[in-house]
């Protein structure tokens, strides 16, 4: 019975963060990711550029972890999984999120990608299908609407990625506003 409990607990964490291999078919030109593939979805925001001080604090706290390694089940500065990262960053700003990315996907209010702003959460199905397996925090929106997000990737730890990257564009499910 104990082995089954451990197995169930471990599988809950496995589902919480998917692979984030850098399989972008885009190329970097300055700070904008230019997609080569014509079949990418247009996942741009109409964000006006104004964010609250509390949201700015959340983003600064997220940025201080850039480069922190990925750690399965991790939720400390020594290593994070994706949902452990979002929990830690929001917790540091006196806001509580559920531990699992699938549960975070039900927190707050679902919003259209065109309405996202820095601090909103983005959810992904990294194994295909529609099951949430990864979460990131919207970091910034380019002048052209390009949505960039900060997250704990399995391959490179805490980093910033773009919804214009083929891998993330195809895996994107939806956005939630929790604050």
N, C-alpha and C. Protein backbone atom coordinates (compact mmCIF):
# COMPACT_ATOMS: atom_id res chain seq x y z
N UNK A 1 0.83 -1.19 0.00
CA UNK A 1 0.00 0.00 0.00
C UNK A 1 0.88 1.26 0.00
N UNK A 2 1.96 1.22 0.77
CA UNK A 2 2.86 2.37 0.84
C UNK A 2 3.48 2.65 -0.53
N UNK A 3 3.84 1.60 -1.25
CA UNK A 3 4.43 1.76 -2.58
C UNK A 3 3.45 2.42 -3.54
N UNK A 4 2.19 2.06 -3.44
CA UNK A 4 1.17 2.64 -4.31
C UNK A 4 1.01 4.12 -3.99
N UNK A 5 1.02 4.47 -2.71
CA UNK A 5 0.90 5.88 -2.32
C UNK A 5 2.07 6.70 -2.86
N UNK A 6 3.28 6.17 -2.74
CA UNK A 6 4.46 6.86 -3.24
C UNK A 6 4.38 7.00 -4.76
N UNK A 7 3.94 5.95 -5.43
CA UNK A 7 3.80 5.98 -6.88
C UNK A 7 2.78 7.02 -7.31
N UNK A 8 1.65 7.10 -6.63
CA UNK A 8 0.62 8.09 -6.96
C UNK A 8 1.14 9.51 -6.73
N UNK A 9 1.84 9.71 -5.64
CA UNK A 9 2.39 11.03 -5.35
C UNK A 9 3.41 11.43 -6.41
N UNK A 10 4.29 10.52 -6.77
CA UNK A 10 5.30 10.80 -7.78
C UNK A 10 4.66 11.10 -9.12
N UNK A 11 3.62 10.36 -9.50
CA UNK A 11 2.98 10.59 -10.79
C UNK A 11 2.27 11.94 -10.82
N UNK A 12 1.79 12.42 -9.68
CA UNK A 12 1.17 13.74 -9.63
C UNK A 12 2.19 14.82 -9.99
N UNK A 13 3.42 14.66 -9.52
CA UNK A 13 4.45 15.63 -9.84
C UNK A 13 4.93 15.50 -11.28
N UNK A 14 4.97 14.29 -11.81
CA UNK A 14 5.39 14.08 -13.18
C UNK A 14 4.45 14.83 -14.11
N UNK A 15 3.17 14.78 -13.83
CA UNK A 15 2.18 15.44 -14.67
C UNK A 15 2.26 16.96 -14.50
N UNK A 16 2.84 17.44 -13.39
CA UNK A 16 2.82 18.86 -13.12
C UNK A 16 3.75 19.67 -14.03
N UNK A 17 4.79 19.10 -14.57
CA UNK A 17 5.68 19.85 -15.45
C UNK A 17 6.13 18.98 -16.60
N UNK A 18 5.94 19.49 -17.77
CA UNK A 18 6.33 18.73 -18.95
C UNK A 18 7.71 19.13 -19.42
N UNK A 19 8.16 18.46 -20.42
CA UNK A 19 9.45 18.75 -21.01
C UNK A 19 9.43 20.12 -21.64
N UNK A 20 10.55 20.77 -21.63
CA UNK A 20 10.64 22.08 -22.29
C UNK A 20 11.91 22.13 -23.12
N UNK A 21 12.07 21.11 -23.95
CA UNK A 21 13.22 21.06 -24.83
C UNK A 21 13.20 22.27 -25.73
N UNK A 22 14.35 22.80 -26.03
CA UNK A 22 14.41 23.95 -26.90
C UNK A 22 14.33 23.47 -28.34
N UNK A 23 13.10 23.32 -28.82
CA UNK A 23 12.88 22.82 -30.17
C UNK A 23 12.29 23.90 -31.05
N UNK A 24 12.58 25.14 -30.73
CA UNK A 24 12.05 26.26 -31.48
C UNK A 24 12.54 26.21 -32.91
N UNK A 25 11.61 26.43 -33.84
CA UNK A 25 12.02 26.51 -35.24
C UNK A 25 12.16 27.97 -35.63
N UNK A 26 12.08 28.84 -34.62
CA UNK A 26 12.23 30.27 -34.87
C UNK A 26 13.68 30.67 -34.68
N UNK A 27 13.97 31.89 -35.10
CA UNK A 27 15.32 32.40 -34.87
C UNK A 27 15.20 33.73 -34.16
N UNK A 28 16.18 34.03 -33.35
CA UNK A 28 16.17 35.27 -32.58
C UNK A 28 16.72 36.41 -33.45
N UNK A 29 15.97 37.52 -33.45
CA UNK A 29 16.44 38.75 -34.07
C UNK A 29 16.18 39.84 -33.06
N UNK A 30 17.20 40.26 -32.36
CA UNK A 30 17.01 41.21 -31.27
C UNK A 30 16.29 40.51 -30.14
N UNK A 31 15.13 41.04 -29.74
CA UNK A 31 14.37 40.41 -28.66
C UNK A 31 13.11 39.73 -29.17
N UNK A 32 12.85 39.81 -30.47
CA UNK A 32 11.64 39.21 -31.03
C UNK A 32 11.96 37.84 -31.62
N UNK A 33 11.11 36.88 -31.35
CA UNK A 33 11.27 35.56 -31.95
C UNK A 33 10.49 35.54 -33.25
N UNK A 34 11.18 35.26 -34.34
CA UNK A 34 10.52 35.23 -35.65
C UNK A 34 10.23 33.78 -35.98
N UNK A 35 8.96 33.47 -36.15
CA UNK A 35 8.57 32.09 -36.43
C UNK A 35 8.78 31.77 -37.91
N UNK A 36 9.44 30.66 -38.18
CA UNK A 36 9.60 30.20 -39.55
C UNK A 36 8.36 29.43 -39.99
N UNK A 37 7.80 28.66 -39.07
CA UNK A 37 6.66 27.80 -39.41
C UNK A 37 5.42 28.65 -39.61
N UNK A 38 4.74 28.43 -40.71
CA UNK A 38 3.53 29.19 -41.02
C UNK A 38 2.32 28.70 -40.25
N UNK A 39 2.41 27.52 -39.68
CA UNK A 39 1.24 26.95 -39.01
C UNK A 39 1.17 27.27 -37.52
N UNK A 40 1.94 28.23 -37.04
CA UNK A 40 1.85 28.63 -35.64
C UNK A 40 0.60 29.46 -35.42
N UNK A 41 0.00 29.27 -34.25
CA UNK A 41 -1.17 30.08 -33.89
C UNK A 41 -0.72 31.49 -33.56
N UNK A 42 -1.57 32.46 -33.82
CA UNK A 42 -1.27 33.85 -33.44
C UNK A 42 -1.69 34.00 -31.99
N UNK A 43 -0.71 34.00 -31.10
CA UNK A 43 -0.95 34.09 -29.66
C UNK A 43 -0.36 35.39 -29.15
N UNK A 44 -0.94 36.50 -29.56
CA UNK A 44 -0.46 37.81 -29.18
C UNK A 44 -1.41 38.48 -28.20
N UNK A 45 -0.89 39.42 -27.44
CA UNK A 45 -1.67 40.18 -26.47
C UNK A 45 -1.79 41.63 -26.92
N UNK A 46 -2.88 42.26 -26.51
CA UNK A 46 -3.09 43.68 -26.79
C UNK A 46 -2.77 44.52 -25.55
N UNK A 47 -1.93 44.01 -24.68
CA UNK A 47 -1.56 44.66 -23.43
C UNK A 47 -1.08 46.09 -23.67
N UNK A 48 -1.52 47.02 -22.81
CA UNK A 48 -1.21 48.45 -22.97
C UNK A 48 0.10 48.90 -22.32
N UNK A 49 0.78 48.03 -21.62
CA UNK A 49 2.07 48.37 -21.05
C UNK A 49 2.06 48.83 -19.62
N UNK A 50 0.92 48.96 -18.99
CA UNK A 50 0.84 49.44 -17.61
C UNK A 50 0.61 48.28 -16.66
N UNK A 51 1.51 48.13 -15.68
CA UNK A 51 1.32 47.09 -14.67
C UNK A 51 1.39 47.70 -13.28
N UNK A 52 0.69 47.05 -12.37
CA UNK A 52 0.65 47.55 -11.00
C UNK A 52 1.99 47.30 -10.30
N UNK A 53 2.19 48.01 -9.21
CA UNK A 53 3.42 47.85 -8.44
C UNK A 53 3.53 46.42 -7.89
N UNK A 54 2.39 45.87 -7.42
CA UNK A 54 2.42 44.52 -6.87
C UNK A 54 2.78 43.49 -7.95
N UNK A 55 2.31 43.71 -9.17
CA UNK A 55 2.65 42.80 -10.26
C UNK A 55 4.13 42.95 -10.63
N UNK A 56 4.63 44.17 -10.59
CA UNK A 56 6.04 44.41 -10.85
C UNK A 56 6.90 43.69 -9.82
N UNK A 57 6.45 43.69 -8.55
CA UNK A 57 7.18 42.98 -7.49
C UNK A 57 7.21 41.48 -7.76
N UNK A 58 6.10 40.93 -8.23
CA UNK A 58 6.04 39.50 -8.55
C UNK A 58 7.05 39.17 -9.65
N UNK A 59 7.09 40.00 -10.68
CA UNK A 59 8.01 39.76 -11.79
C UNK A 59 9.47 39.87 -11.36
N UNK A 60 9.77 40.83 -10.49
CA UNK A 60 11.14 40.96 -9.98
C UNK A 60 11.53 39.72 -9.17
N UNK A 61 10.58 39.23 -8.37
CA UNK A 61 10.87 38.02 -7.59
C UNK A 61 11.08 36.82 -8.52
N UNK A 62 10.32 36.73 -9.59
CA UNK A 62 10.50 35.64 -10.55
C UNK A 62 11.86 35.73 -11.22
N UNK A 63 12.25 36.95 -11.61
CA UNK A 63 13.52 37.15 -12.31
C UNK A 63 14.73 36.78 -11.46
N UNK A 64 14.62 36.95 -10.15
CA UNK A 64 15.79 36.64 -9.31
C UNK A 64 16.12 35.15 -9.34
N UNK A 65 15.21 34.32 -9.83
CA UNK A 65 15.46 32.88 -9.91
C UNK A 65 15.94 32.43 -11.30
N UNK A 66 16.10 33.36 -12.23
CA UNK A 66 16.58 32.97 -13.56
C UNK A 66 17.87 32.16 -13.42
N UNK A 67 17.92 31.04 -14.12
CA UNK A 67 19.09 30.17 -14.06
C UNK A 67 19.03 29.11 -12.97
N UNK A 68 18.06 29.21 -12.06
CA UNK A 68 17.92 28.18 -11.02
C UNK A 68 17.60 26.86 -11.71
N UNK A 69 18.26 25.78 -11.33
CA UNK A 69 18.04 24.50 -12.02
C UNK A 69 16.65 23.92 -11.80
N UNK A 70 16.27 23.06 -12.73
CA UNK A 70 15.03 22.30 -12.59
C UNK A 70 15.26 21.21 -11.55
N UNK A 71 14.28 20.99 -10.70
CA UNK A 71 14.34 19.90 -9.74
C UNK A 71 12.94 19.32 -9.61
N UNK A 72 12.81 18.07 -9.92
CA UNK A 72 11.52 17.38 -9.82
C UNK A 72 10.96 17.56 -8.42
N UNK A 73 9.75 18.11 -8.31
CA UNK A 73 9.12 18.33 -7.01
C UNK A 73 9.69 19.50 -6.25
N UNK A 74 10.63 20.25 -6.86
CA UNK A 74 11.30 21.34 -6.16
C UNK A 74 10.47 22.60 -6.04
N UNK A 75 10.61 23.27 -4.91
CA UNK A 75 9.93 24.55 -4.72
C UNK A 75 10.78 25.51 -3.87
N UNK A 76 12.10 25.39 -4.03
CA UNK A 76 13.02 26.29 -3.33
C UNK A 76 14.06 26.81 -4.31
N UNK A 77 14.85 27.78 -3.86
CA UNK A 77 15.87 28.38 -4.72
C UNK A 77 16.97 27.40 -5.11
N UNK A 78 17.00 26.21 -4.50
CA UNK A 78 17.99 25.22 -4.93
C UNK A 78 17.50 24.43 -6.14
N UNK A 79 16.22 24.54 -6.48
CA UNK A 79 15.67 23.88 -7.66
C UNK A 79 14.15 23.92 -7.65
N UNK A 80 13.58 24.11 -8.84
CA UNK A 80 12.13 24.21 -8.98
C UNK A 80 11.61 23.29 -10.06
N UNK A 81 10.38 22.81 -9.87
CA UNK A 81 9.61 22.33 -11.01
C UNK A 81 8.69 23.49 -11.38
N UNK A 82 7.93 23.37 -12.44
CA UNK A 82 7.17 24.53 -12.94
C UNK A 82 6.18 25.07 -11.93
N UNK A 83 5.40 24.20 -11.32
CA UNK A 83 4.38 24.69 -10.39
C UNK A 83 5.00 25.10 -9.05
N UNK A 84 6.10 24.49 -8.67
CA UNK A 84 6.81 24.91 -7.47
C UNK A 84 7.35 26.32 -7.64
N UNK A 85 7.77 26.65 -8.84
CA UNK A 85 8.26 28.00 -9.15
C UNK A 85 7.13 29.02 -9.00
N UNK A 86 5.98 28.77 -9.60
CA UNK A 86 4.88 29.74 -9.53
C UNK A 86 4.39 29.88 -8.09
N UNK A 87 4.29 28.75 -7.37
CA UNK A 87 3.87 28.81 -5.96
C UNK A 87 4.82 29.70 -5.16
N UNK A 88 6.13 29.49 -5.32
CA UNK A 88 7.13 30.24 -4.56
C UNK A 88 7.06 31.74 -4.85
N UNK A 89 7.00 32.09 -6.13
CA UNK A 89 6.99 33.50 -6.52
C UNK A 89 5.75 34.21 -5.98
N UNK A 90 4.59 33.58 -6.12
CA UNK A 90 3.36 34.20 -5.63
C UNK A 90 3.32 34.21 -4.10
N UNK A 91 3.83 33.15 -3.49
CA UNK A 91 3.88 33.07 -2.02
C UNK A 91 4.72 34.20 -1.43
N UNK A 92 5.82 34.53 -2.09
CA UNK A 92 6.68 35.63 -1.64
C UNK A 92 5.96 36.97 -1.68
N UNK A 93 4.84 37.00 -2.40
CA UNK A 93 4.05 38.22 -2.53
C UNK A 93 2.68 38.06 -1.88
N UNK A 94 2.64 37.18 -0.86
CA UNK A 94 1.45 36.97 -0.03
C UNK A 94 0.22 36.51 -0.79
N UNK A 95 0.44 35.67 -1.82
CA UNK A 95 -0.69 35.10 -2.55
C UNK A 95 -0.47 33.59 -2.65
N UNK A 96 -1.49 32.84 -2.30
CA UNK A 96 -1.39 31.39 -2.28
C UNK A 96 -1.95 30.76 -3.56
N UNK A 97 -1.17 29.87 -4.15
CA UNK A 97 -1.61 29.09 -5.32
C UNK A 97 -1.60 27.62 -4.95
N UNK A 98 -2.46 26.82 -5.60
CA UNK A 98 -2.37 25.37 -5.40
C UNK A 98 -1.00 24.86 -5.86
N UNK A 99 -0.57 23.72 -5.36
CA UNK A 99 0.77 23.21 -5.68
C UNK A 99 0.90 22.65 -7.09
N UNK A 100 -0.12 21.99 -7.59
CA UNK A 100 -0.03 21.34 -8.91
C UNK A 100 -0.48 22.28 -10.02
N UNK A 101 0.20 22.21 -11.18
CA UNK A 101 -0.17 23.08 -12.31
C UNK A 101 -1.60 22.84 -12.76
N UNK A 102 -2.06 21.59 -12.72
CA UNK A 102 -3.44 21.29 -13.13
C UNK A 102 -4.44 21.99 -12.21
N UNK A 103 -4.11 22.09 -10.93
CA UNK A 103 -4.99 22.79 -9.98
C UNK A 103 -4.86 24.31 -10.14
N UNK A 104 -3.66 24.79 -10.43
CA UNK A 104 -3.48 26.22 -10.67
C UNK A 104 -4.30 26.67 -11.89
N UNK A 105 -4.49 25.76 -12.84
CA UNK A 105 -5.24 26.07 -14.06
C UNK A 105 -6.70 26.37 -13.78
N UNK A 106 -7.17 26.03 -12.59
CA UNK A 106 -8.55 26.31 -12.20
C UNK A 106 -8.64 27.51 -11.26
N UNK A 107 -7.50 28.06 -10.85
CA UNK A 107 -7.50 29.21 -9.92
C UNK A 107 -7.75 30.50 -10.71
N UNK A 108 -8.39 31.44 -10.10
CA UNK A 108 -8.62 32.72 -10.75
C UNK A 108 -9.62 32.65 -11.88
N UNK A 109 -9.41 33.49 -12.88
CA UNK A 109 -10.36 33.63 -14.00
C UNK A 109 -9.66 33.32 -15.32
N UNK A 110 -10.28 32.48 -16.14
CA UNK A 110 -9.75 32.17 -17.46
C UNK A 110 -9.88 33.43 -18.33
N UNK A 111 -8.81 33.75 -19.05
CA UNK A 111 -8.82 34.93 -19.92
C UNK A 111 -8.32 34.58 -21.31
N UNK A 112 -8.73 35.36 -22.28
CA UNK A 112 -8.29 35.20 -23.66
C UNK A 112 -6.84 35.65 -23.76
N UNK A 113 -6.09 35.02 -24.62
CA UNK A 113 -4.67 35.35 -24.79
C UNK A 113 -4.49 36.82 -25.16
N UNK A 114 -5.44 37.40 -25.88
CA UNK A 114 -5.35 38.80 -26.27
C UNK A 114 -5.40 39.75 -25.07
N UNK A 115 -5.89 39.25 -23.94
CA UNK A 115 -6.04 40.08 -22.74
C UNK A 115 -4.94 39.86 -21.71
N UNK A 116 -4.00 38.95 -21.97
CA UNK A 116 -2.99 38.67 -20.94
C UNK A 116 -2.08 39.86 -20.71
N UNK A 117 -1.60 39.92 -19.48
CA UNK A 117 -0.64 40.95 -19.09
C UNK A 117 0.38 40.30 -18.16
N UNK A 118 1.50 40.96 -17.94
CA UNK A 118 2.50 40.39 -17.04
C UNK A 118 1.90 40.00 -15.69
N UNK A 119 2.29 38.80 -15.23
CA UNK A 119 1.79 38.27 -13.96
C UNK A 119 0.69 37.23 -14.14
N UNK A 120 0.05 37.19 -15.31
CA UNK A 120 -0.95 36.16 -15.56
C UNK A 120 -0.25 34.81 -15.73
N UNK A 121 -0.98 33.74 -15.54
CA UNK A 121 -0.43 32.40 -15.69
C UNK A 121 -0.80 31.82 -17.05
N UNK A 122 0.14 31.11 -17.68
CA UNK A 122 -0.09 30.41 -18.94
C UNK A 122 0.02 28.92 -18.68
N UNK A 123 -0.86 28.15 -19.30
CA UNK A 123 -0.88 26.70 -19.10
C UNK A 123 -0.67 25.97 -20.42
N UNK A 124 0.02 24.84 -20.30
CA UNK A 124 0.45 24.08 -21.47
C UNK A 124 0.18 22.60 -21.30
N UNK A 125 -0.02 21.93 -22.43
CA UNK A 125 -0.10 20.47 -22.48
C UNK A 125 1.15 20.01 -23.22
N UNK A 126 2.22 19.75 -22.50
CA UNK A 126 3.49 19.42 -23.13
C UNK A 126 3.55 18.00 -23.67
N UNK A 127 2.59 17.17 -23.27
CA UNK A 127 2.56 15.80 -23.78
C UNK A 127 1.49 15.66 -24.86
N UNK A 128 0.97 16.78 -25.36
CA UNK A 128 -0.11 16.75 -26.33
C UNK A 128 -1.45 16.66 -25.62
N UNK A 129 -2.50 16.64 -26.36
CA UNK A 129 -3.83 16.54 -25.78
C UNK A 129 -4.24 17.84 -25.10
N UNK A 130 -5.06 17.71 -24.06
CA UNK A 130 -5.57 18.90 -23.38
C UNK A 130 -5.34 18.88 -21.87
N UNK A 131 -4.50 17.97 -21.41
CA UNK A 131 -4.22 17.87 -19.98
C UNK A 131 -3.09 18.81 -19.59
N UNK A 132 -3.36 19.70 -18.63
CA UNK A 132 -2.36 20.66 -18.17
C UNK A 132 -1.17 19.92 -17.57
N UNK A 133 0.03 20.27 -18.06
CA UNK A 133 1.24 19.64 -17.55
C UNK A 133 2.37 20.65 -17.31
N UNK A 134 2.12 21.92 -17.58
CA UNK A 134 3.16 22.93 -17.39
C UNK A 134 2.51 24.29 -17.18
N UNK A 135 3.19 25.14 -16.40
CA UNK A 135 2.70 26.49 -16.12
C UNK A 135 3.87 27.47 -16.15
N UNK A 136 3.58 28.68 -16.58
CA UNK A 136 4.55 29.77 -16.57
C UNK A 136 3.85 31.07 -16.24
N UNK A 137 4.63 32.09 -15.94
CA UNK A 137 4.10 33.41 -15.59
C UNK A 137 4.42 34.37 -16.75
N UNK A 138 3.40 35.08 -17.25
CA UNK A 138 3.66 36.05 -18.31
C UNK A 138 4.67 37.06 -17.77
N UNK A 139 5.76 37.22 -18.50
CA UNK A 139 6.85 38.11 -18.08
C UNK A 139 6.73 39.47 -18.74
N UNK A 140 6.58 39.49 -20.05
CA UNK A 140 6.43 40.77 -20.74
C UNK A 140 5.73 40.55 -22.08
N UNK A 141 5.24 41.65 -22.61
CA UNK A 141 4.55 41.65 -23.91
C UNK A 141 5.31 42.63 -24.79
N UNK A 142 5.77 42.14 -25.93
CA UNK A 142 6.48 43.03 -26.86
C UNK A 142 5.54 44.04 -27.49
N UNK A 143 6.11 45.08 -28.10
CA UNK A 143 5.31 46.11 -28.76
C UNK A 143 4.44 45.52 -29.86
N UNK A 144 4.88 44.38 -30.41
CA UNK A 144 4.13 43.70 -31.47
C UNK A 144 3.13 42.68 -30.90
N UNK A 145 3.03 42.59 -29.57
CA UNK A 145 2.09 41.65 -28.95
C UNK A 145 2.68 40.32 -28.56
N UNK A 146 3.98 40.09 -28.86
CA UNK A 146 4.62 38.82 -28.53
C UNK A 146 4.60 38.60 -27.01
N UNK A 147 4.10 37.43 -26.61
CA UNK A 147 3.98 37.09 -25.19
C UNK A 147 5.20 36.26 -24.78
N UNK A 148 5.94 36.77 -23.78
CA UNK A 148 7.06 36.03 -23.22
C UNK A 148 6.70 35.65 -21.80
N UNK A 149 7.17 34.50 -21.37
CA UNK A 149 6.83 34.01 -20.03
C UNK A 149 8.06 33.43 -19.36
N UNK A 150 8.04 33.48 -18.03
CA UNK A 150 9.13 32.95 -17.22
C UNK A 150 8.62 31.67 -16.56
N UNK A 151 9.45 30.63 -16.59
CA UNK A 151 9.01 29.32 -16.11
C UNK A 151 10.22 28.46 -15.77
N UNK A 152 9.95 27.36 -15.08
CA UNK A 152 11.00 26.39 -14.75
C UNK A 152 10.93 25.27 -15.78
N UNK A 153 11.86 25.28 -16.71
CA UNK A 153 11.89 24.25 -17.75
C UNK A 153 12.71 23.06 -17.28
N UNK A 154 12.35 21.88 -17.78
CA UNK A 154 13.09 20.68 -17.38
C UNK A 154 14.51 20.68 -17.93
N UNK A 155 14.73 21.34 -19.06
CA UNK A 155 16.04 21.29 -19.69
C UNK A 155 16.99 22.39 -19.24
N UNK A 156 16.47 23.59 -18.96
CA UNK A 156 17.35 24.72 -18.66
C UNK A 156 17.01 25.44 -17.36
N UNK A 157 16.13 24.89 -16.56
CA UNK A 157 15.76 25.55 -15.31
C UNK A 157 14.91 26.78 -15.57
N UNK A 158 14.99 27.73 -14.65
CA UNK A 158 14.16 28.93 -14.78
C UNK A 158 14.69 29.80 -15.92
N UNK A 159 13.81 30.09 -16.86
CA UNK A 159 14.20 30.83 -18.06
C UNK A 159 12.99 31.57 -18.61
N UNK A 160 13.24 32.40 -19.61
CA UNK A 160 12.17 33.12 -20.29
C UNK A 160 12.03 32.54 -21.69
N UNK A 161 10.79 32.24 -22.07
CA UNK A 161 10.48 31.69 -23.39
C UNK A 161 9.39 32.53 -24.03
N UNK A 162 9.09 32.25 -25.29
CA UNK A 162 8.09 32.99 -26.05
C UNK A 162 6.99 32.06 -26.57
N UNK A 163 5.76 32.59 -26.62
CA UNK A 163 4.68 31.81 -27.23
C UNK A 163 4.86 31.70 -28.74
N UNK A 164 5.81 32.45 -29.30
CA UNK A 164 6.10 32.34 -30.73
C UNK A 164 7.06 31.20 -31.03
N UNK A 165 7.61 30.56 -30.00
CA UNK A 165 8.45 29.39 -30.22
C UNK A 165 7.52 28.22 -30.54
N UNK A 166 7.88 27.46 -31.54
CA UNK A 166 7.02 26.39 -32.03
C UNK A 166 6.56 25.45 -30.91
N UNK A 167 7.48 25.01 -30.08
CA UNK A 167 7.15 24.06 -29.02
C UNK A 167 6.06 24.60 -28.11
N UNK A 168 6.24 25.83 -27.61
CA UNK A 168 5.29 26.41 -26.67
C UNK A 168 4.00 26.83 -27.36
N UNK A 169 4.09 27.28 -28.60
CA UNK A 169 2.89 27.67 -29.35
C UNK A 169 1.96 26.48 -29.51
N UNK A 170 2.52 25.34 -29.85
CA UNK A 170 1.69 24.14 -30.04
C UNK A 170 1.17 23.57 -28.73
N UNK A 171 1.91 23.74 -27.64
CA UNK A 171 1.52 23.18 -26.35
C UNK A 171 0.57 24.09 -25.56
N UNK A 172 0.45 25.36 -25.96
CA UNK A 172 -0.35 26.33 -25.20
C UNK A 172 -1.82 25.89 -25.12
N UNK A 173 -2.37 26.00 -23.89
CA UNK A 173 -3.78 25.67 -23.66
C UNK A 173 -4.62 26.91 -23.36
N UNK A 174 -4.27 27.61 -22.28
CA UNK A 174 -5.05 28.79 -21.91
C UNK A 174 -4.31 29.64 -20.87
N UNK A 175 -4.91 30.80 -20.56
CA UNK A 175 -4.33 31.72 -19.57
C UNK A 175 -5.33 31.93 -18.44
N UNK A 176 -4.78 32.20 -17.26
CA UNK A 176 -5.59 32.50 -16.07
C UNK A 176 -5.07 33.77 -15.42
N UNK A 177 -6.00 34.57 -14.95
CA UNK A 177 -5.63 35.75 -14.14
C UNK A 177 -5.95 35.41 -12.69
N UNK A 178 -4.92 35.39 -11.86
CA UNK A 178 -5.12 35.04 -10.44
C UNK A 178 -5.06 36.27 -9.54
N UNK A 179 -4.59 37.39 -10.03
CA UNK A 179 -4.55 38.63 -9.25
C UNK A 179 -5.24 39.74 -10.00
